[in-house]
Amino acid sequence: MIDTLLSIEDLSKGFSSSGRRVAALDNVSLTIAAGETLGLVGASGSGKSTLSRILLRLLAADAGSIRFEGADWLALDGAPLRRRRAHMQMVFQDPLAAFNPLATVSAVLDDPLRIHGIAAKNQRPGEIATLLERVGLTADHAARPVRSLSGGQRQRVAIARAIATRPSLLVLDEAVSALDVTVRGRILELLVDLQKEQGIACLFISHDLAVVRAVSHRIAVMDSGRIVETGPAAAVVAAPQSDAARALVAAVPRLVTDPI
């Protein structure tokens, strides 16, 4: 993991609230190497989701730069941006809100294959079956409506859709926080396995330090829009240097310190 896949420098974003300017991001800088998982952790309101939305070009930054796969990510527009979007995919907290709940699993997975020209029409059913098997489901799930699936199954479909475009980076924003403990563990194991198989880098965003520790090589801690600590996951958990990291460690009575 030596090649820098994503580089963020001095990224800033502010919002107006009650007549004053509030800094959601304040000169945020971080990097992610190819094949690496960076855990981004912080309390609610620390700026994590704002950062993810700027990365996905759902929000515009006020200042700063982002380079992704060697390109100026914030300068891309039109067709070049559409092509590059296939390489950076997101898994949201609530997959049902991200899907058409009336759609079938097949329709949900067909969209990225069709839009990005990944497989011809007659090849897509086989590709969909392969994607479902890769995330621990069966080809029989393809015909089922999304709304009929359990929360864990829907999140597996969301991951299948995200990896359908063969991305180099997955952005996961509280992707397991709505799941019960058992299902959460299975999804985390799936993510680790997929990363080992395909070399996908991940930005794993959560308020839960124990979950982040389980899947991350490094951890960055956010507080009030700033990165206040970055280091190897085990070191941040064992010897946190910032007040924000110490508070997160203290909030987890029995923190799992060995990764999955």
Protein backbone atom coordinates (compact mmCIF):
# COMPACT_ATOMS: atom_id res chain seq x y z
CA MET A 1 0.00 0.00 0.00
CA ILE A 2 2.43 2.63 -1.18
CA ASP A 3 0.63 4.31 -4.08
CA THR A 4 -1.51 7.26 -3.05
CA LEU A 5 -5.01 6.76 -4.45
CA LEU A 6 -6.74 9.75 -2.82
CA SER A 7 -5.15 12.94 -1.55
CA ILE A 8 -7.16 15.68 0.19
CA GLU A 9 -5.42 18.94 1.05
CA ASP A 10 -6.72 21.87 3.08
CA LEU A 11 -10.36 21.11 2.33
CA SER A 12 -12.78 23.62 3.85
CA LYS A 13 -16.55 23.99 3.84
CA GLY A 14 -18.76 26.38 5.78
CA PHE A 15 -22.50 26.79 6.24
CA SER A 16 -24.60 29.72 7.40
CA SER A 17 -26.54 29.13 10.59
CA SER A 18 -28.54 31.76 12.48
CA GLY A 19 -26.74 34.54 10.66
CA ARG A 20 -23.23 33.26 11.33
CA ARG A 21 -20.78 31.13 9.39
CA VAL A 22 -20.07 27.66 10.81
CA ALA A 23 -17.03 25.70 9.62
CA ALA A 24 -18.10 22.14 8.84
CA LEU A 25 -14.62 21.38 7.47
CA ASP A 26 -11.56 23.38 8.47
CA ASN A 27 -8.41 22.72 6.39
CA VAL A 28 -8.87 18.95 6.32
CA SER A 29 -5.99 16.98 4.83
CA LEU A 30 -5.66 13.20 4.53
CA THR A 31 -4.51 10.48 2.15
CA ILE A 32 -5.62 6.95 1.31
CA ALA A 33 -3.30 4.46 -0.35
CA ALA A 34 -4.42 1.94 -2.94
CA GLY A 35 -5.90 -1.07 -1.14
CA GLU A 36 -5.96 0.66 2.25
CA THR A 37 -8.86 1.19 4.63
CA LEU A 38 -8.80 4.53 6.41
CA GLY A 39 -11.27 4.78 9.25
CA LEU A 40 -12.70 8.25 9.76
CA VAL A 41 -14.19 8.56 13.21
CA GLY A 42 -15.69 11.37 15.22
CA ALA A 43 -18.73 12.44 17.18
CA SER A 44 -21.93 13.49 15.43
CA GLY A 45 -21.48 16.89 13.83
CA SER A 46 -17.70 16.59 13.54
CA GLY A 47 -17.78 16.93 9.75
CA LYS A 48 -17.50 13.30 8.59
CA SER A 49 -20.60 13.26 6.40
CA THR A 50 -19.81 16.67 4.93
CA LEU A 51 -16.45 15.30 3.84
CA SER A 52 -18.07 12.24 2.24
CA ARG A 53 -20.57 14.39 0.33
CA ILE A 54 -17.81 16.60 -1.05
CA LEU A 55 -15.88 13.51 -2.10
CA LEU A 56 -18.93 12.24 -4.00
CA ARG A 57 -19.39 15.71 -5.53
CA LEU A 58 -22.77 16.08 -3.83
CA LEU A 59 -21.51 19.27 -2.16
CA ALA A 60 -19.04 21.86 -3.41
CA ALA A 61 -15.98 22.69 -1.33
CA ASP A 62 -15.21 26.28 -0.40
CA ALA A 63 -11.45 25.74 -0.63
CA GLY A 64 -8.86 23.01 -0.91
CA SER A 65 -8.06 20.26 -3.38
CA ILE A 66 -8.78 16.59 -3.98
CA ARG A 67 -6.70 14.36 -6.23
CA PHE A 68 -8.12 10.93 -7.06
CA GLU A 69 -6.22 8.44 -9.20
CA GLY A 70 -3.86 11.24 -10.13
CA ALA A 71 -6.57 13.59 -11.46
CA ASP A 72 -7.87 16.87 -10.07
CA TRP A 73 -11.17 15.47 -8.78
CA LEU A 74 -12.86 18.81 -8.16
CA ALA A 75 -12.04 20.08 -11.66
CA LEU A 76 -13.77 17.18 -13.44
CA ASP A 77 -17.15 17.86 -15.00
CA GLY A 78 -19.53 16.42 -17.57
CA ALA A 79 -18.52 13.19 -19.33
CA PRO A 80 -15.06 12.91 -17.69
CA LEU A 81 -16.67 13.09 -14.23
CA ARG A 82 -19.33 10.53 -15.17
CA ARG A 83 -16.64 8.12 -16.32
CA ARG A 84 -14.57 8.61 -13.18
CA ARG A 85 -17.59 8.18 -10.87
CA ALA A 86 -17.46 4.48 -11.58
CA HIS A 87 -14.14 4.37 -9.73
CA MET A 88 -15.47 5.92 -6.49
CA GLN A 89 -18.65 4.42 -5.09
CA MET A 90 -20.59 4.98 -1.88
CA VAL A 91 -22.48 2.73 0.51
CA PHE A 92 -25.00 4.68 2.59
CA GLN A 93 -26.37 4.01 6.06
CA ASP A 94 -29.89 3.29 4.83
CA PRO A 95 -29.84 1.35 1.54
CA LEU A 96 -33.64 1.39 1.30
CA ALA A 97 -33.54 5.18 1.04
CA ALA A 98 -30.88 4.92 -1.69
CA PHE A 99 -32.92 2.40 -3.72
CA ASN A 100 -36.29 2.51 -5.40
CA PRO A 101 -38.13 0.31 -2.85
CA LEU A 102 -40.44 -0.98 -5.59
CA ALA A 103 -37.52 -2.17 -7.72
CA THR A 104 -36.24 -5.71 -7.79
CA VAL A 105 -32.71 -6.59 -6.77
CA SER A 106 -32.00 -7.35 -10.42
CA ALA A 107 -33.08 -3.86 -11.50
CA VAL A 108 -30.95 -2.24 -8.78
CA LEU A 109 -27.85 -4.11 -9.92
CA ASP A 110 -28.58 -3.77 -13.62
CA ASP A 111 -28.45 0.04 -13.48
CA PRO A 112 -24.69 0.49 -12.84
CA LEU A 113 -23.83 -2.27 -15.32
CA ARG A 114 -25.91 -0.55 -17.99
CA ILE A 115 -25.06 3.07 -17.21
CA HIS A 116 -21.32 2.46 -17.12
CA GLY A 117 -21.30 0.03 -20.04
CA ILE A 118 -19.76 -2.74 -18.00
CA ALA A 119 -21.69 -5.63 -19.55
CA ALA A 120 -23.84 -6.15 -22.63
CA LYS A 121 -27.56 -6.75 -22.06
CA ASN A 122 -27.34 -10.50 -22.57
CA GLN A 123 -24.39 -10.70 -20.15
CA ARG A 124 -25.93 -8.72 -17.33
CA PRO A 125 -28.02 -11.53 -15.72
CA GLY A 126 -24.87 -13.59 -15.29
CA GLU A 127 -22.96 -10.58 -13.95
CA ILE A 128 -25.77 -9.89 -11.46
CA ALA A 129 -25.73 -13.50 -10.26
CA THR A 130 -21.95 -13.28 -9.76
CA LEU A 131 -22.27 -10.02 -7.80
CA LEU A 132 -24.91 -11.53 -5.51
CA GLU A 133 -22.81 -14.60 -4.83
CA ARG A 134 -19.81 -12.38 -4.12
CA VAL A 135 -21.69 -10.65 -1.28
CA GLY A 136 -23.08 -13.84 0.20
CA LEU A 137 -26.50 -13.91 -1.47
CA THR A 138 -27.83 -16.24 -4.16
CA ALA A 139 -28.96 -15.69 -7.74
CA ASP A 140 -32.52 -16.34 -6.52
CA HIS A 141 -32.46 -12.98 -4.72
CA ALA A 142 -32.34 -11.18 -8.09
CA ALA A 143 -36.10 -11.48 -8.63
CA ARG A 144 -37.06 -10.29 -5.16
CA PRO A 145 -38.26 -6.74 -4.46
CA VAL A 146 -35.77 -4.73 -2.42
CA ARG A 147 -38.43 -3.96 0.18
CA SER A 148 -38.83 -7.69 0.93
CA LEU A 149 -35.23 -8.09 2.07
CA SER A 150 -33.90 -7.88 5.61
CA GLY A 151 -31.68 -4.96 6.60
CA GLY A 152 -28.55 -7.07 6.30
CA GLN A 153 -29.58 -8.40 2.89
CA ARG A 154 -30.30 -4.89 1.64
CA GLN A 155 -26.87 -3.73 2.75
CA ARG A 156 -25.31 -6.67 0.92
CA VAL A 157 -27.17 -5.59 -2.23
CA ALA A 158 -25.90 -2.03 -1.66
CA ILE A 159 -22.34 -3.34 -1.49
CA ALA A 160 -22.94 -5.47 -4.61
CA ARG A 161 -24.15 -2.39 -6.46
CA ALA A 162 -21.13 -0.40 -5.26
CA ILE A 163 -18.61 -2.99 -6.44
CA ALA A 164 -20.44 -3.59 -9.74
CA THR A 165 -18.49 -0.75 -11.36
CA ARG A 166 -15.18 -2.25 -10.19
CA PRO A 167 -14.22 0.81 -8.14
CA SER A 168 -10.83 1.55 -6.67
CA LEU A 169 -12.40 3.35 -3.65
CA LEU A 170 -15.49 2.68 -1.57
CA VAL A 171 -16.82 5.41 0.71
CA LEU A 172 -18.89 3.85 3.48
CA ASP A 173 -20.83 6.39 5.56
CA GLU A 174 -22.18 4.75 8.74
CA ALA A 175 -22.79 1.71 6.54
CA VAL A 176 -23.34 -0.74 9.42
CA SER A 177 -24.67 1.51 12.19
CA ALA A 178 -28.33 0.58 11.59
CA LEU A 179 -27.67 -3.18 11.75
CA ASP A 180 -27.81 -5.42 14.79
CA VAL A 181 -24.54 -6.69 16.23
CA THR A 182 -24.57 -10.11 14.56
CA VAL A 183 -25.42 -8.80 11.10
CA ARG A 184 -22.94 -5.96 11.54
CA GLY A 185 -20.12 -8.43 12.17
CA ARG A 186 -21.00 -10.40 9.03
CA ILE A 187 -21.04 -7.25 6.89
CA LEU A 188 -17.67 -6.17 8.29
CA GLU A 189 -16.22 -9.60 7.49
CA LEU A 190 -17.64 -9.31 3.97
CA LEU A 191 -15.98 -5.92 3.47
CA VAL A 192 -12.62 -7.23 4.68
CA ASP A 193 -12.88 -10.26 2.38
CA LEU A 194 -13.82 -8.13 -0.63
CA GLN A 195 -10.88 -5.83 0.02
CA LYS A 196 -8.48 -8.76 0.16
CA GLU A 197 -9.92 -10.26 -3.04
CA GLN A 198 -10.16 -7.09 -5.12
CA GLY A 199 -7.71 -4.63 -3.55
CA ILE A 200 -10.37 -1.97 -3.09
CA ALA A 201 -9.47 0.99 -0.88
CA CYS A 202 -12.08 2.11 1.64
CA LEU A 203 -12.92 5.27 3.53
CA PHE A 204 -14.89 3.83 6.42
CA ILE A 205 -16.81 6.58 8.22
CA SER A 206 -18.38 5.95 11.61
CA HIS A 207 -18.90 7.38 15.08
CA ASP A 208 -18.13 3.92 16.52
CA LEU A 209 -14.41 3.48 17.18
CA ALA A 210 -14.75 -0.26 17.86
CA VAL A 211 -16.27 -0.85 14.42
CA VAL A 212 -13.68 1.36 12.73
CA ARG A 213 -10.83 -0.45 14.51
CA ALA A 214 -12.11 -3.81 13.27
CA VAL A 215 -11.66 -2.97 9.59
CA SER A 216 -9.12 -0.13 9.34
CA HIS A 217 -5.39 0.00 8.70
CA ARG A 218 -5.23 3.63 9.86
CA ILE A 219 -7.64 5.89 11.73
CA ALA A 220 -8.21 9.62 11.37
CA VAL A 221 -10.11 11.37 14.15
CA MET A 222 -12.30 14.38 13.40
CA ASP A 223 -13.44 17.01 15.85
CA SER A 224 -15.25 20.26 15.02
CA GLY A 225 -14.40 20.03 11.34
CA ARG A 226 -10.69 19.31 11.78
CA ILE A 227 -8.52 16.20 11.67
CA VAL A 228 -7.05 16.12 15.17
CA GLU A 229 -5.23 12.79 15.07
CA THR A 230 -4.11 10.24 12.49
CA GLY A 231 -2.19 7.03 12.96
CA PRO A 232 -2.13 3.24 12.72
CA ALA A 233 -5.43 1.87 13.99
CA ALA A 234 -3.93 -0.10 16.87
CA ALA A 235 -1.88 2.89 18.04
CA VAL A 236 -4.80 5.31 18.02
CA VAL A 237 -6.89 2.89 20.05
CA ALA A 238 -4.13 1.90 22.50
CA ALA A 239 -2.66 5.36 23.06
CA PRO A 240 -4.96 8.13 21.80
CA GLN A 241 -3.24 11.51 21.68
CA SER A 242 -6.19 13.89 21.21
CA ASP A 243 -9.04 14.69 23.58
CA ALA A 244 -11.53 13.61 20.89
CA ALA A 245 -9.87 10.21 20.44
CA ARG A 246 -9.64 9.68 24.21
CA ALA A 247 -13.34 10.42 24.54
CA LEU A 248 -14.18 7.92 21.79
CA VAL A 249 -12.05 5.22 23.40
CA ALA A 250 -13.62 5.89 26.80
CA ALA A 251 -17.10 5.60 25.28
CA VAL A 252 -16.51 1.94 24.35
CA PRO A 253 -16.31 -0.13 27.56
CA ARG A 254 -14.82 -3.23 25.93
CA LEU A 255 -13.08 -2.13 22.79
CA VAL A 256 -12.06 -4.86 20.36
CA THR A 257 -8.41 -4.20 19.63
CA ASP A 258 -7.75 -7.04 17.14
CA PRO A 259 -8.95 -6.50 13.56
CA ILE A 260 -11.26 -9.01 11.88
